[in-house]
Amino acid sequence: VDSAASISQSGAGRELEFLRNGRLDSWGAGGSL
């Protein structure tokens, strides 16, 4: 998952930094019948 947002103000917190240019990699395992 890639996140992008227009956040121009400096001093933004870590959560807003994720919204500006963050990523979330994932993996999954399981099965079907």
ModelCIF file with pLDDT and N, C-alpha, C, O atoms, coordinates in Angstrom:
data_MODEL
#
_entry.id   MODEL 
#
_entity.id                         1 
_entity.type                       polymer 
_entity.pdbx_number_of_molecules   1 
#
_entity_poly.entity_id                      1 
_entity_poly.type                           'polypeptide(L)' 
_entity_poly.nstd_linkage                   no 
_entity_poly.nstd_monomer                   no 
_entity_poly.pdbx_seq_one_letter_code       VDSAASISQSGAGRELEFLRNGRLDSWGAGGSL 
_entity_poly.pdbx_seq_one_letter_code_can   VDSAASISQSGAGRELEFLRNGRLDSWGAGGSL 
_entity_poly.pdbx_strand_id                 A 
#
loop_
_entity_poly_seq.entity_id 
_entity_poly_seq.num 
_entity_poly_seq.mon_id 
_entity_poly_seq.hetero 
1 1  VAL n 
1 2  ASP n 
1 3  SER n 
1 4  ALA n 
1 5  ALA n 
1 6  SER n 
1 7  ILE n 
1 8  SER n 
1 9  GLN n 
1 10 SER n 
1 11 GLY n 
1 12 ALA n 
1 13 GLY n 
1 14 ARG n 
1 15 GLU n 
1 16 LEU n 
1 17 GLU n 
1 18 PHE n 
1 19 LEU n 
1 20 ARG n 
1 21 ASN n 
1 22 GLY n 
1 23 ARG n 
1 24 LEU n 
1 25 ASP n 
1 26 SER n 
1 27 TRP n 
1 28 GLY n 
1 29 ALA n 
1 30 GLY n 
1 31 GLY n 
1 32 SER n 
1 33 LEU n 
#
_struct_asym.id          A 
_struct_asym.entity_id   1 
#
loop_
_ma_qa_metric.id 
_ma_qa_metric.mode 
_ma_qa_metric.name 
_ma_qa_metric.software_group_id 
_ma_qa_metric.type 
1 global pLDDT . pLDDT 
2 local  pLDDT . pLDDT 
#
_ma_qa_metric_global.metric_id      1 
_ma_qa_metric_global.metric_value   79.03 
_ma_qa_metric_global.model_id       1 
_ma_qa_metric_global.ordinal_id     1 
#
loop_
_ma_qa_metric_local.label_asym_id 
_ma_qa_metric_local.label_comp_id 
_ma_qa_metric_local.label_seq_id 
_ma_qa_metric_local.metric_id 
_ma_qa_metric_local.metric_value 
_ma_qa_metric_local.model_id 
_ma_qa_metric_local.ordinal_id 
A VAL 1  2 88.00 1 1  
A ASP 2  2 89.00 1 2  
A SER 3  2 85.00 1 3  
A ALA 4  2 85.00 1 4  
A ALA 5  2 77.00 1 5  
A SER 6  2 69.00 1 6  
A ILE 7  2 66.00 1 7  
A SER 8  2 58.00 1 8  
A GLN 9  2 55.00 1 9  
A SER 10 2 50.00 1 10 
A GLY 11 2 49.00 1 11 
A ALA 12 2 58.00 1 12 
A GLY 13 2 64.00 1 13 
A ARG 14 2 69.00 1 14 
A GLU 15 2 73.00 1 15 
A LEU 16 2 75.00 1 16 
A GLU 17 2 75.00 1 17 
A PHE 18 2 77.00 1 18 
A LEU 19 2 78.00 1 19 
A ARG 20 2 79.00 1 20 
A ASN 21 2 82.00 1 21 
A GLY 22 2 80.00 1 22 
A ARG 23 2 85.00 1 23 
A LEU 24 2 87.00 1 24 
A ASP 25 2 90.00 1 25 
A SER 26 2 92.00 1 26 
A TRP 27 2 94.00 1 27 
A GLY 28 2 95.00 1 28 
A ALA 29 2 97.00 1 29 
A GLY 30 2 97.00 1 30 
A GLY 31 2 96.00 1 31 
A SER 32 2 97.00 1 32 
A LEU 33 2 97.00 1 33 
#
loop_
_atom_site.group_PDB 
_atom_site.id 
_atom_site.type_symbol 
_atom_site.label_atom_id 
_atom_site.label_alt_id 
_atom_site.label_comp_id 
_atom_site.label_asym_id 
_atom_site.label_entity_id 
_atom_site.label_seq_id 
_atom_site.pdbx_PDB_ins_code 
_atom_site.Cartn_x 
_atom_site.Cartn_y 
_atom_site.Cartn_z 
_atom_site.occupancy 
_atom_site.B_iso_or_equiv 
_atom_site.pdbx_formal_charge 
_atom_site.auth_seq_id 
_atom_site.auth_comp_id 
_atom_site.auth_asym_id 
_atom_site.auth_atom_id 
_atom_site.pdbx_PDB_model_num 
ATOM 1   N N  . VAL A 1 1  ? 0.854   -1.177  0.000  1.00 88.00 ? 1  VAL A N  1 
ATOM 2   C CA . VAL A 1 1  ? 0.000   0.000   0.000  1.00 88.00 ? 1  VAL A CA 1 
ATOM 3   C C  . VAL A 1 1  ? 0.897   1.237   0.000  1.00 88.00 ? 1  VAL A C  1 
ATOM 4   O O  . VAL A 1 1  ? 1.773   1.364   0.856  1.00 88.00 ? 1  VAL A O  1 
ATOM 5   N N  . ASP A 1 2  ? 0.691   2.138   -0.941 1.00 89.00 ? 2  ASP A N  1 
ATOM 6   C CA . ASP A 1 2  ? 1.409   3.412   -1.002 1.00 89.00 ? 2  ASP A CA 1 
ATOM 7   C C  . ASP A 1 2  ? 0.451   4.542   -0.672 1.00 89.00 ? 2  ASP A C  1 
ATOM 8   O O  . ASP A 1 2  ? -0.679  4.574   -1.159 1.00 89.00 ? 2  ASP A O  1 
ATOM 9   N N  . SER A 1 3  ? 0.911   5.466   0.158  1.00 85.00 ? 3  SER A N  1 
ATOM 10  C CA . SER A 1 3  ? 0.083   6.608   0.547  1.00 85.00 ? 3  SER A CA 1 
ATOM 11  C C  . SER A 1 3  ? 0.697   7.889   0.005  1.00 85.00 ? 3  SER A C  1 
ATOM 12  O O  . SER A 1 3  ? 1.917   8.045   -0.014 1.00 85.00 ? 3  SER A O  1 
ATOM 13  N N  . ALA A 1 4  ? -0.162  8.805   -0.437 1.00 85.00 ? 4  ALA A N  1 
ATOM 14  C CA . ALA A 1 4  ? 0.282   10.108  -0.929 1.00 85.00 ? 4  ALA A CA 1 
ATOM 15  C C  . ALA A 1 4  ? -0.740  11.151  -0.523 1.00 85.00 ? 4  ALA A C  1 
ATOM 16  O O  . ALA A 1 4  ? -1.947  10.941  -0.641 1.00 85.00 ? 4  ALA A O  1 
ATOM 17  N N  . ALA A 1 5  ? -0.232  12.294  -0.038 1.00 77.00 ? 5  ALA A N  1 
ATOM 18  C CA . ALA A 1 5  ? -1.106  13.408  0.321  1.00 77.00 ? 5  ALA A CA 1 
ATOM 19  C C  . ALA A 1 5  ? -0.303  14.691  0.211  1.00 77.00 ? 5  ALA A C  1 
ATOM 20  O O  . ALA A 1 5  ? 0.914   14.683  0.394  1.00 77.00 ? 5  ALA A O  1 
ATOM 21  N N  . SER A 1 6  ? -0.965  15.769  -0.079 1.00 69.00 ? 6  SER A N  1 
ATOM 22  C CA . SER A 1 6  ? -0.312  17.071  -0.196 1.00 69.00 ? 6  SER A CA 1 
ATOM 23  C C  . SER A 1 6  ? -0.255  17.716  1.182  1.00 69.00 ? 6  SER A C  1 
ATOM 24  O O  . SER A 1 6  ? -1.237  18.292  1.652  1.00 69.00 ? 6  SER A O  1 
ATOM 25  N N  . ILE A 1 7  ? 0.906   17.613  1.822  1.00 66.00 ? 7  ILE A N  1 
ATOM 26  C CA . ILE A 1 7  ? 1.113   18.192  3.149  1.00 66.00 ? 7  ILE A CA 1 
ATOM 27  C C  . ILE A 1 7  ? 2.339   19.086  3.058  1.00 66.00 ? 7  ILE A C  1 
ATOM 28  O O  . ILE A 1 7  ? 3.468   18.598  3.024  1.00 66.00 ? 7  ILE A O  1 
ATOM 29  N N  . SER A 1 8  ? 2.119   20.382  3.019  1.00 58.00 ? 8  SER A N  1 
ATOM 30  C CA . SER A 1 8  ? 3.212   21.320  2.774  1.00 58.00 ? 8  SER A CA 1 
ATOM 31  C C  . SER A 1 8  ? 3.849   21.828  4.054  1.00 58.00 ? 8  SER A C  1 
ATOM 32  O O  . SER A 1 8  ? 4.979   22.316  4.012  1.00 58.00 ? 8  SER A O  1 
ATOM 33  N N  . GLN A 1 9  ? 3.174   21.734  5.185  1.00 55.00 ? 9  GLN A N  1 
ATOM 34  C CA . GLN A 1 9  ? 3.693   22.355  6.404  1.00 55.00 ? 9  GLN A CA 1 
ATOM 35  C C  . GLN A 1 9  ? 4.807   21.533  7.023  1.00 55.00 ? 9  GLN A C  1 
ATOM 36  O O  . GLN A 1 9  ? 4.705   20.310  7.124  1.00 55.00 ? 9  GLN A O  1 
ATOM 37  N N  . SER A 1 10 ? 5.867   22.204  7.434  1.00 50.00 ? 10 SER A N  1 
ATOM 38  C CA . SER A 1 10 ? 6.951   21.528  8.121  1.00 50.00 ? 10 SER A CA 1 
ATOM 39  C C  . SER A 1 10 ? 6.531   21.236  9.553  1.00 50.00 ? 10 SER A C  1 
ATOM 40  O O  . SER A 1 10 ? 5.583   21.828  10.068 1.00 50.00 ? 10 SER A O  1 
ATOM 41  N N  . GLY A 1 11 ? 7.244   20.323  10.185 1.00 49.00 ? 11 GLY A N  1 
ATOM 42  C CA . GLY A 1 11 ? 6.951   19.985  11.562 1.00 49.00 ? 11 GLY A CA 1 
ATOM 43  C C  . GLY A 1 11 ? 5.808   19.011  11.716 1.00 49.00 ? 11 GLY A C  1 
ATOM 44  O O  . GLY A 1 11 ? 5.334   18.791  12.830 1.00 49.00 ? 11 GLY A O  1 
ATOM 45  N N  . ALA A 1 12 ? 5.351   18.420  10.620 1.00 58.00 ? 12 ALA A N  1 
ATOM 46  C CA . ALA A 1 12 ? 4.251   17.475  10.706 1.00 58.00 ? 12 ALA A CA 1 
ATOM 47  C C  . ALA A 1 12 ? 4.682   16.243  11.480 1.00 58.00 ? 12 ALA A C  1 
ATOM 48  O O  . ALA A 1 12 ? 5.854   15.866  11.438 1.00 58.00 ? 12 ALA A O  1 
ATOM 49  N N  . GLY A 1 13 ? 3.755   15.608  12.187 1.00 64.00 ? 13 GLY A N  1 
ATOM 50  C CA . GLY A 1 13 ? 4.048   14.425  12.972 1.00 64.00 ? 13 GLY A CA 1 
ATOM 51  C C  . GLY A 1 13 ? 4.266   13.198  12.116 1.00 64.00 ? 13 GLY A C  1 
ATOM 52  O O  . GLY A 1 13 ? 4.108   13.231  10.895 1.00 64.00 ? 13 GLY A O  1 
ATOM 53  N N  . ARG A 1 14 ? 4.641   12.089  12.793 1.00 69.00 ? 14 ARG A N  1 
ATOM 54  C CA . ARG A 1 14 ? 4.976   10.864  12.074 1.00 69.00 ? 14 ARG A CA 1 
ATOM 55  C C  . ARG A 1 14 ? 3.772   10.307  11.321 1.00 69.00 ? 14 ARG A C  1 
ATOM 56  O O  . ARG A 1 14 ? 3.924   9.774   10.222 1.00 69.00 ? 14 ARG A O  1 
ATOM 57  N N  . GLU A 1 15 ? 2.585   10.424  11.896 1.00 73.00 ? 15 GLU A N  1 
ATOM 58  C CA . GLU A 1 15 ? 1.405   9.906   11.211 1.00 73.00 ? 15 GLU A CA 1 
ATOM 59  C C  . GLU A 1 15 ? 1.146   10.654  9.914  1.00 73.00 ? 15 GLU A C  1 
ATOM 60  O O  . GLU A 1 15 ? 0.793   10.047  8.903  1.00 73.00 ? 15 GLU A O  1 
ATOM 61  N N  . LEU A 1 16 ? 1.322   11.977  9.940  1.00 75.00 ? 16 LEU A N  1 
ATOM 62  C CA . LEU A 1 16 ? 1.124   12.755  8.727  1.00 75.00 ? 16 LEU A CA 1 
ATOM 63  C C  . LEU A 1 16 ? 2.245   12.508  7.721  1.00 75.00 ? 16 LEU A C  1 
ATOM 64  O O  . LEU A 1 16 ? 2.029   12.625  6.515  1.00 75.00 ? 16 LEU A O  1 
ATOM 65  N N  . GLU A 1 17 ? 3.441   12.169  8.204  1.00 75.00 ? 17 GLU A N  1 
ATOM 66  C CA . GLU A 1 17 ? 4.515   11.802  7.288  1.00 75.00 ? 17 GLU A CA 1 
ATOM 67  C C  . GLU A 1 17 ? 4.158   10.529  6.534  1.00 75.00 ? 17 GLU A C  1 
ATOM 68  O O  . GLU A 1 17 ? 4.488   10.391  5.356  1.00 75.00 ? 17 GLU A O  1 
ATOM 69  N N  . PHE A 1 18 ? 3.484   9.596   7.210  1.00 77.00 ? 18 PHE A N  1 
ATOM 70  C CA . PHE A 1 18 ? 3.029   8.397   6.511  1.00 77.00 ? 18 PHE A CA 1 
ATOM 71  C C  . PHE A 1 18 ? 2.022   8.765   5.433  1.00 77.00 ? 18 PHE A C  1 
ATOM 72  O O  . PHE A 1 18 ? 2.078   8.231   4.325  1.00 77.00 ? 18 PHE A O  1 
ATOM 73  N N  . LEU A 1 19 ? 1.103   9.672   5.747  1.00 78.00 ? 19 LEU A N  1 
ATOM 74  C CA . LEU A 1 19 ? 0.123   10.068  4.747  1.00 78.00 ? 19 LEU A CA 1 
ATOM 75  C C  . LEU A 1 19 ? 0.778   10.764  3.571  1.00 78.00 ? 19 LEU A C  1 
ATOM 76  O O  . LEU A 1 19 ? 0.326   10.628  2.434  1.00 78.00 ? 19 LEU A O  1 
ATOM 77  N N  . ARG A 1 20 ? 1.850   11.517  3.837  1.00 79.00 ? 20 ARG A N  1 
ATOM 78  C CA . ARG A 1 20 ? 2.527   12.252  2.770  1.00 79.00 ? 20 ARG A CA 1 
ATOM 79  C C  . ARG A 1 20 ? 3.222   11.311  1.801  1.00 79.00 ? 20 ARG A C  1 
ATOM 80  O O  . ARG A 1 20 ? 3.101   11.471  0.587  1.00 79.00 ? 20 ARG A O  1 
ATOM 81  N N  . ASN A 1 21 ? 3.954   10.325  2.330  1.00 82.00 ? 21 ASN A N  1 
ATOM 82  C CA . ASN A 1 21 ? 4.756   9.458   1.452  1.00 82.00 ? 21 ASN A CA 1 
ATOM 83  C C  . ASN A 1 21 ? 5.115   8.181   2.201  1.00 82.00 ? 21 ASN A C  1 
ATOM 84  O O  . ASN A 1 21 ? 6.295   7.904   2.417  1.00 82.00 ? 21 ASN A O  1 
ATOM 85  N N  . GLY A 1 22 ? 4.122   7.409   2.597  1.00 80.00 ? 22 GLY A N  1 
ATOM 86  C CA . GLY A 1 22 ? 4.373   6.187   3.356  1.00 80.00 ? 22 GLY A CA 1 
ATOM 87  C C  . GLY A 1 22 ? 4.056   4.944   2.556  1.00 80.00 ? 22 GLY A C  1 
ATOM 88  O O  . GLY A 1 22 ? 3.487   5.018   1.467  1.00 80.00 ? 22 GLY A O  1 
ATOM 89  N N  . ARG A 1 23 ? 4.430   3.797   3.105  1.00 85.00 ? 23 ARG A N  1 
ATOM 90  C CA . ARG A 1 23 ? 4.153   2.517   2.466  1.00 85.00 ? 23 ARG A CA 1 
ATOM 91  C C  . ARG A 1 23 ? 3.896   1.470   3.534  1.00 85.00 ? 23 ARG A C  1 
ATOM 92  O O  . ARG A 1 23 ? 4.390   1.554   4.658  1.00 85.00 ? 23 ARG A O  1 
ATOM 93  N N  . LEU A 1 24 ? 3.119   0.499   3.151  1.00 87.00 ? 24 LEU A N  1 
ATOM 94  C CA . LEU A 1 24 ? 2.788   -0.619  4.035  1.00 87.00 ? 24 LEU A CA 1 
ATOM 95  C C  . LEU A 1 24 ? 2.912   -1.897  3.220  1.00 87.00 ? 24 LEU A C  1 
ATOM 96  O O  . LEU A 1 24 ? 2.086   -2.164  2.347  1.00 87.00 ? 24 LEU A O  1 
ATOM 97  N N  . ASP A 1 25 ? 3.949   -2.691  3.506  1.00 90.00 ? 25 ASP A N  1 
ATOM 98  C CA . ASP A 1 25 ? 4.136   -3.974  2.828  1.00 90.00 ? 25 ASP A CA 1 
ATOM 99  C C  . ASP A 1 25 ? 3.444   -5.072  3.630  1.00 90.00 ? 25 ASP A C  1 
ATOM 100 O O  . ASP A 1 25 ? 3.425   -5.037  4.861  1.00 90.00 ? 25 ASP A O  1 
ATOM 101 N N  . SER A 1 26 ? 2.885   -6.029  2.934  1.00 92.00 ? 26 SER A N  1 
ATOM 102 C CA . SER A 1 26 ? 2.162   -7.094  3.623  1.00 92.00 ? 26 SER A CA 1 
ATOM 103 C C  . SER A 1 26 ? 2.417   -8.439  2.957  1.00 92.00 ? 26 SER A C  1 
ATOM 104 O O  . SER A 1 26 ? 2.761   -8.524  1.777  1.00 92.00 ? 26 SER A O  1 
ATOM 105 N N  . TRP A 1 27 ? 2.239   -9.471  3.746  1.00 94.00 ? 27 TRP A N  1 
ATOM 106 C CA . TRP A 1 27 ? 2.259   -10.823 3.214  1.00 94.00 ? 27 TRP A CA 1 
ATOM 107 C C  . TRP A 1 27 ? 1.125   -11.599 3.876  1.00 94.00 ? 27 TRP A C  1 
ATOM 108 O O  . TRP A 1 27 ? 0.644   -11.230 4.947  1.00 94.00 ? 27 TRP A O  1 
ATOM 109 N N  . GLY A 1 28 ? 0.716   -12.657 3.233  1.00 95.00 ? 28 GLY A N  1 
ATOM 110 C CA . GLY A 1 28 ? -0.381  -13.440 3.778  1.00 95.00 ? 28 GLY A CA 1 
ATOM 111 C C  . GLY A 1 28 ? -0.204  -14.912 3.499  1.00 95.00 ? 28 GLY A C  1 
ATOM 112 O O  . GLY A 1 28 ? 0.409   -15.298 2.504  1.00 95.00 ? 28 GLY A O  1 
ATOM 113 N N  . ALA A 1 29 ? -0.741  -15.730 4.377  1.00 97.00 ? 29 ALA A N  1 
ATOM 114 C CA . ALA A 1 29 ? -0.704  -17.183 4.215  1.00 97.00 ? 29 ALA A CA 1 
ATOM 115 C C  . ALA A 1 29 ? -2.016  -17.762 4.712  1.00 97.00 ? 29 ALA A C  1 
ATOM 116 O O  . ALA A 1 29 ? -2.627  -17.244 5.646  1.00 97.00 ? 29 ALA A O  1 
ATOM 117 N N  . GLY A 1 30 ? -2.430  -18.820 4.088  1.00 97.00 ? 30 GLY A N  1 
ATOM 118 C CA . GLY A 1 30 ? -3.670  -19.476 4.481  1.00 97.00 ? 30 GLY A CA 1 
ATOM 119 C C  . GLY A 1 30 ? -4.026  -20.552 3.487  1.00 97.00 ? 30 GLY A C  1 
ATOM 120 O O  . GLY A 1 30 ? -3.150  -21.138 2.851  1.00 97.00 ? 30 GLY A O  1 
ATOM 121 N N  . GLY A 1 31 ? -5.298  -20.810 3.354  1.00 96.00 ? 31 GLY A N  1 
ATOM 122 C CA . GLY A 1 31 ? -5.707  -21.860 2.446  1.00 96.00 ? 31 GLY A CA 1 
ATOM 123 C C  . GLY A 1 31 ? -7.177  -21.803 2.123  1.00 96.00 ? 31 GLY A C  1 
ATOM 124 O O  . GLY A 1 31 ? -7.932  -21.001 2.674  1.00 96.00 ? 31 GLY A O  1 
ATOM 125 N N  . SER A 1 32 ? -7.566  -22.681 1.211  1.00 97.00 ? 32 SER A N  1 
ATOM 126 C CA . SER A 1 32 ? -8.947  -22.787 0.776  1.00 97.00 ? 32 SER A CA 1 
ATOM 127 C C  . SER A 1 32 ? -9.330  -24.253 0.688  1.00 97.00 ? 32 SER A C  1 
ATOM 128 O O  . SER A 1 32 ? -8.478  -25.124 0.516  1.00 97.00 ? 32 SER A O  1 
ATOM 129 N N  . LEU A 1 33 ? -10.619 -24.509 0.809  1.00 97.00 ? 33 LEU A N  1 
ATOM 130 C CA . LEU A 1 33 ? -11.162 -25.843 0.613  1.00 97.00 ? 33 LEU A CA 1 
ATOM 131 C C  . LEU A 1 33 ? -12.323 -25.714 -0.363 1.00 97.00 ? 33 LEU A C  1 
ATOM 132 O O  . LEU A 1 33 ? -12.961 -26.712 -0.699 1.00 97.00 ? 33 LEU A O  1 
#
